[in-house]
PDB file of all heavy atoms in Angstrom:
ATOM      1  N   GLY A   1       4.276  -0.991  -1.880  1.00  0.00           N
ATOM      2  CA  GLY A   1       3.608  -0.440  -0.745  1.00  0.00           C
ATOM      3  C   GLY A   1       4.523   0.227   0.266  1.00  0.00           C
ATOM      4  O   GLY A   1       4.101   1.292   0.863  1.00  0.00           O
ATOM      5  N   LEU A   2       5.710  -0.289   0.487  1.00  0.00           N
ATOM      6  CA  LEU A   2       6.574   0.159   1.499  1.00  0.00           C
ATOM      7  C   LEU A   2       7.156   1.502   1.027  1.00  0.00           C
ATOM      8  O   LEU A   2       7.329   2.482   1.785  1.00  0.00           O
ATOM      9  CB  LEU A   2       7.747  -0.657   1.837  1.00  0.00           C
ATOM     10  CG  LEU A   2       7.355  -1.914   2.529  1.00  0.00           C
ATOM     11  CD1 LEU A   2       8.446  -2.939   2.643  1.00  0.00           C
ATOM     12  CD2 LEU A   2       6.873  -1.646   3.941  1.00  0.00           C
ATOM     13  N   ILE A   3       7.524   1.656  -0.293  1.00  0.00           N
ATOM     14  CA  ILE A   3       8.103   2.921  -0.826  1.00  0.00           C
ATOM     15  C   ILE A   3       7.115   3.930  -1.071  1.00  0.00           C
ATOM     16  O   ILE A   3       7.185   5.145  -0.714  1.00  0.00           O
ATOM     17  CB  ILE A   3       8.780   2.598  -2.164  1.00  0.00           C
ATOM     18  CG1 ILE A   3      10.107   1.682  -1.897  1.00  0.00           C
ATOM     19  CG2 ILE A   3       9.281   3.968  -2.912  1.00  0.00           C
ATOM     20  CD1 ILE A   3      10.852   1.366  -3.236  1.00  0.00           C
ATOM     21  N   GLU A   4       5.870   3.649  -1.649  1.00  0.00           N
ATOM     22  CA  GLU A   4       4.926   4.732  -1.938  1.00  0.00           C
ATOM     23  C   GLU A   4       3.970   5.064  -0.815  1.00  0.00           C
ATOM     24  O   GLU A   4       3.296   5.967  -0.782  1.00  0.00           O
ATOM     25  CB  GLU A   4       4.165   4.217  -3.106  1.00  0.00           C
ATOM     26  CG  GLU A   4       4.836   3.977  -4.354  1.00  0.00           C
ATOM     27  CD  GLU A   4       5.393   5.325  -4.959  1.00  0.00           C
ATOM     28  OE1 GLU A   4       4.699   6.339  -4.725  1.00  0.00           O
ATOM     29  OE2 GLU A   4       6.295   5.301  -5.821  1.00  0.00           O
ATOM     30  N   GLY A   5       4.005   4.280   0.417  1.00  0.00           N
ATOM     31  CA  GLY A   5       3.145   4.375   1.405  1.00  0.00           C
ATOM     32  C   GLY A   5       3.306   5.845   2.053  1.00  0.00           C
ATOM     33  O   GLY A   5       2.371   6.455   2.514  1.00  0.00           O
ATOM     34  N   GLY A   6       4.503   6.287   2.098  1.00  0.00           N
ATOM     35  CA  GLY A   6       4.871   7.520   2.785  1.00  0.00           C
ATOM     36  C   GLY A   6       4.271   8.753   2.098  1.00  0.00           C
ATOM     37  O   GLY A   6       3.813   9.722   2.609  1.00  0.00           O
ATOM     38  N   SER A   7       4.249   8.676   0.704  1.00  0.00           N
ATOM     39  CA  SER A   7       3.701   9.768  -0.097  1.00  0.00           C
ATOM     40  C   SER A   7       2.299   9.603  -0.260  1.00  0.00           C
ATOM     41  O   SER A   7       1.529  10.604  -0.447  1.00  0.00           O
ATOM     42  CB  SER A   7       4.549   9.778  -1.506  1.00  0.00           C
ATOM     43  OG  SER A   7       4.285   8.703  -2.098  1.00  0.00           O
ATOM     44  N   ARG A   8       1.761   8.511  -0.558  1.00  0.00           N
ATOM     45  CA  ARG A   8       0.256   8.246  -0.831  1.00  0.00           C
ATOM     46  C   ARG A   8      -0.546   8.042   0.336  1.00  0.00           C
ATOM     47  O   ARG A   8      -1.783   8.223   0.268  1.00  0.00           O
ATOM     48  CB  ARG A   8       0.121   6.979  -1.781  1.00  0.00           C
ATOM     49  CG  ARG A   8       0.898   7.191  -3.110  1.00  0.00           C
ATOM     50  CD  ARG A   8       0.599   5.954  -3.970  1.00  0.00           C
ATOM     51  NE  ARG A   8       1.206   5.945  -5.261  1.00  0.00           N
ATOM     52  CZ  ARG A   8       0.539   6.440  -6.308  1.00  0.00           C
ATOM     53  NH1 ARG A   8      -0.774   6.731  -6.250  1.00  0.00           N
ATOM     54  NH2 ARG A   8       1.076   6.441  -7.549  1.00  0.00           N
ATOM     55  N   GLY A   9       0.065   7.851   1.474  1.00  0.00           N
ATOM     56  CA  GLY A   9      -0.693   7.601   2.743  1.00  0.00           C
ATOM     57  C   GLY A   9      -0.833   6.137   2.964  1.00  0.00           C
ATOM     58  O   GLY A   9      -1.348   5.349   2.126  1.00  0.00           O
ATOM     59  N   TRP A  10      -0.501   5.698   4.206  1.00  0.00           N
ATOM     60  CA  TRP A  10      -0.621   4.254   4.553  1.00  0.00           C
ATOM     61  C   TRP A  10      -1.875   3.549   4.570  1.00  0.00           C
ATOM     62  O   TRP A  10      -1.958   2.464   4.393  1.00  0.00           O
ATOM     63  CB  TRP A  10       0.183   4.153   5.811  1.00  0.00           C
ATOM     64  CG  TRP A  10       1.615   4.421   5.932  1.00  0.00           C
ATOM     65  CD1 TRP A  10       2.083   5.625   6.408  1.00  0.00           C
ATOM     66  CD2 TRP A  10       2.689   3.650   5.356  1.00  0.00           C
ATOM     67  NE1 TRP A  10       3.537   5.587   6.183  1.00  0.00           N
ATOM     68  CE2 TRP A  10       3.875   4.425   5.558  1.00  0.00           C
ATOM     69  CE3 TRP A  10       2.821   2.591   4.583  1.00  0.00           C
ATOM     70  CZ2 TRP A  10       5.067   4.072   5.139  1.00  0.00           C
ATOM     71  CZ3 TRP A  10       4.078   2.054   4.237  1.00  0.00           C
ATOM     72  CH2 TRP A  10       5.200   2.745   4.460  1.00  0.00           C
ATOM     73  N   THR A  11      -2.909   4.376   4.660  1.00  0.00           N
ATOM     74  CA  THR A  11      -4.257   3.857   4.509  1.00  0.00           C
ATOM     75  C   THR A  11      -4.984   4.069   3.215  1.00  0.00           C
ATOM     76  O   THR A  11      -6.210   3.756   3.177  1.00  0.00           O
ATOM     77  CB  THR A  11      -5.135   4.372   5.686  1.00  0.00           C
ATOM     78  OG1 THR A  11      -5.182   5.820   5.595  1.00  0.00           O
ATOM     79  CG2 THR A  11      -4.459   4.065   7.020  1.00  0.00           C
ATOM     80  N   SER A  12      -4.355   4.555   2.242  1.00  0.00           N
ATOM     81  CA  SER A  12      -4.894   4.755   0.959  1.00  0.00           C
ATOM     82  C   SER A  12      -5.159   3.493   0.287  1.00  0.00           C
ATOM     83  O   SER A  12      -4.484   2.448   0.442  1.00  0.00           O
ATOM     84  CB  SER A  12      -4.053   5.597   0.091  1.00  0.00           C
ATOM     85  OG  SER A  12      -2.869   4.887  -0.309  1.00  0.00           O
ATOM     86  N   PRO A  13      -6.275   3.299  -0.511  1.00  0.00           N
ATOM     87  CA  PRO A  13      -6.602   2.153  -1.166  1.00  0.00           C
ATOM     88  C   PRO A  13      -5.525   1.335  -1.897  1.00  0.00           C
ATOM     89  O   PRO A  13      -5.432   0.236  -2.030  1.00  0.00           O
ATOM     90  CB  PRO A  13      -7.867   2.609  -2.036  1.00  0.00           C
ATOM     91  CG  PRO A  13      -8.332   3.760  -1.421  1.00  0.00           C
ATOM     92  CD  PRO A  13      -7.265   4.459  -0.819  1.00  0.00           C
ATOM     93  N   VAL A  14      -4.776   2.247  -2.617  1.00  0.00           N
ATOM     94  CA  VAL A  14      -3.598   1.737  -3.365  1.00  0.00           C
ATOM     95  C   VAL A  14      -2.591   1.028  -2.636  1.00  0.00           C
ATOM     96  O   VAL A  14      -2.187  -0.056  -2.923  1.00  0.00           O
ATOM     97  CB  VAL A  14      -3.008   2.928  -4.270  1.00  0.00           C
ATOM     98  CG1 VAL A  14      -1.751   2.283  -5.031  1.00  0.00           C
ATOM     99  CG2 VAL A  14      -3.960   3.492  -5.367  1.00  0.00           C
ATOM    100  N   ILE A  15      -2.255   1.646  -1.544  1.00  0.00           N
ATOM    101  CA  ILE A  15      -1.279   1.045  -0.626  1.00  0.00           C
ATOM    102  C   ILE A  15      -1.774  -0.223   0.037  1.00  0.00           C
ATOM    103  O   ILE A  15      -1.092  -1.242   0.017  1.00  0.00           O
ATOM    104  CB  ILE A  15      -0.703   2.145   0.375  1.00  0.00           C
ATOM    105  CG1 ILE A  15      -0.121   3.303  -0.409  1.00  0.00           C
ATOM    106  CG2 ILE A  15       0.216   1.372   1.273  1.00  0.00           C
ATOM    107  CD1 ILE A  15       1.018   2.896  -1.329  1.00  0.00           C
ATOM    108  N   LEU A  16      -2.995  -0.086   0.571  1.00  0.00           N
ATOM    109  CA  LEU A  16      -3.578  -1.293   1.202  1.00  0.00           C
ATOM    110  C   LEU A  16      -3.752  -2.323   0.160  1.00  0.00           C
ATOM    111  O   LEU A  16      -3.561  -3.485   0.478  1.00  0.00           O
ATOM    112  CB  LEU A  16      -4.974  -0.940   1.819  1.00  0.00           C
ATOM    113  CG  LEU A  16      -4.930   0.029   3.028  1.00  0.00           C
ATOM    114  CD1 LEU A  16      -6.353   0.357   3.478  1.00  0.00           C
ATOM    115  CD2 LEU A  16      -4.127  -0.623   4.235  1.00  0.00           C
ATOM    116  N   GLY A  17      -4.146  -2.155  -1.063  1.00  0.00           N
ATOM    117  CA  GLY A  17      -4.270  -3.160  -2.056  1.00  0.00           C
ATOM    118  C   GLY A  17      -3.043  -3.744  -2.488  1.00  0.00           C
ATOM    119  O   GLY A  17      -2.904  -4.951  -2.687  1.00  0.00           O
ATOM    120  N   SER A  18      -1.896  -2.968  -2.439  1.00  0.00           N
ATOM    121  CA  SER A  18      -0.550  -3.510  -2.750  1.00  0.00           C
ATOM    122  C   SER A  18      -0.189  -4.467  -1.688  1.00  0.00           C
ATOM    123  O   SER A  18       0.402  -5.619  -1.916  1.00  0.00           O
ATOM    124  CB  SER A  18       0.476  -2.470  -2.933  1.00  0.00           C
ATOM    125  OG  SER A  18       0.758  -1.789  -1.666  1.00  0.00           O
ATOM    126  N   PHE A  19      -0.315  -4.140  -0.356  1.00  0.00           N
ATOM    127  CA  PHE A  19      -0.066  -5.043   0.712  1.00  0.00           C
ATOM    128  C   PHE A  19      -0.880  -6.371   0.595  1.00  0.00           C
ATOM    129  O   PHE A  19      -0.379  -7.429   0.712  1.00  0.00           O
ATOM    130  CB  PHE A  19      -0.196  -4.393   2.066  1.00  0.00           C
ATOM    131  CG  PHE A  19       0.801  -3.372   2.427  1.00  0.00           C
ATOM    132  CD1 PHE A  19       0.639  -2.207   2.968  1.00  0.00           C
ATOM    133  CD2 PHE A  19       2.232  -3.709   2.176  1.00  0.00           C
ATOM    134  CE1 PHE A  19       1.558  -1.183   3.126  1.00  0.00           C
ATOM    135  CE2 PHE A  19       3.252  -2.705   2.397  1.00  0.00           C
ATOM    136  CZ  PHE A  19       2.811  -1.442   3.007  1.00  0.00           C
ATOM    137  N   ALA A  20      -2.135  -6.175   0.369  1.00  0.00           N
ATOM    138  CA  ALA A  20      -3.065  -7.465   0.131  1.00  0.00           C
ATOM    139  C   ALA A  20      -2.507  -8.358  -1.063  1.00  0.00           C
ATOM    140  O   ALA A  20      -2.617  -9.450  -0.880  1.00  0.00           O
ATOM    141  CB  ALA A  20      -4.501  -6.937   0.075  1.00  0.00           C
ATOM    142  N   ALA A  21      -2.232  -7.606  -2.102  1.00  0.00           N
ATOM    143  CA  ALA A  21      -1.758  -8.475  -3.334  1.00  0.00           C
ATOM    144  C   ALA A  21      -0.494  -9.126  -3.013  1.00  0.00           C
ATOM    145  O   ALA A  21      -0.322 -10.257  -3.395  1.00  0.00           O
ATOM    146  CB  ALA A  21      -1.581  -7.455  -4.417  1.00  0.00           C
ATOM    147  N   ALA A  22       0.440  -8.443  -2.221  1.00  0.00           N
ATOM    148  CA  ALA A  22       1.695  -9.075  -1.827  1.00  0.00           C
ATOM    149  C   ALA A  22       1.406 -10.266  -1.016  1.00  0.00           C
ATOM    150  O   ALA A  22       2.094 -11.372  -1.294  1.00  0.00           O
ATOM    151  CB  ALA A  22       2.519  -8.049  -1.050  1.00  0.00           C
ATOM    152  N   GLN A  23       0.469 -10.190  -0.127  1.00  0.00           N
ATOM    153  CA  GLN A  23       0.204 -11.343   0.766  1.00  0.00           C
ATOM    154  C   GLN A  23      -0.389 -12.487   0.003  1.00  0.00           C
ATOM    155  O   GLN A  23       0.041 -13.729   0.225  1.00  0.00           O
ATOM    156  CB  GLN A  23      -0.743 -10.860   1.794  1.00  0.00           C
ATOM    157  CG  GLN A  23      -1.123 -11.902   2.913  1.00  0.00           C
ATOM    158  CD  GLN A  23      -2.009 -11.423   3.981  1.00  0.00           C
ATOM    159  OE1 GLN A  23      -2.540 -10.394   3.970  1.00  0.00           O
ATOM    160  NE2 GLN A  23      -2.065 -12.165   5.034  1.00  0.00           N
ATOM    161  N   VAL A  24      -1.216 -12.233  -0.945  1.00  0.00           N
ATOM    162  CA  VAL A  24      -1.853 -13.318  -1.701  1.00  0.00           C
ATOM    163  C   VAL A  24      -0.786 -13.941  -2.745  1.00  0.00           C
ATOM    164  O   VAL A  24      -0.748 -15.173  -2.887  1.00  0.00           O
ATOM    165  CB  VAL A  24      -3.116 -12.725  -2.579  1.00  0.00           C
ATOM    166  CG1 VAL A  24      -3.531 -13.719  -3.603  1.00  0.00           C
ATOM    167  CG2 VAL A  24      -4.244 -12.261  -1.609  1.00  0.00           C
TER     168      VAL A  24
END
């Protein structure tokens, strides 16, 4: 999420999903 967030967009579903998965 931290590396790809800049290119994919910090609010994109993939990045938000990666942060949620990391938390879980």
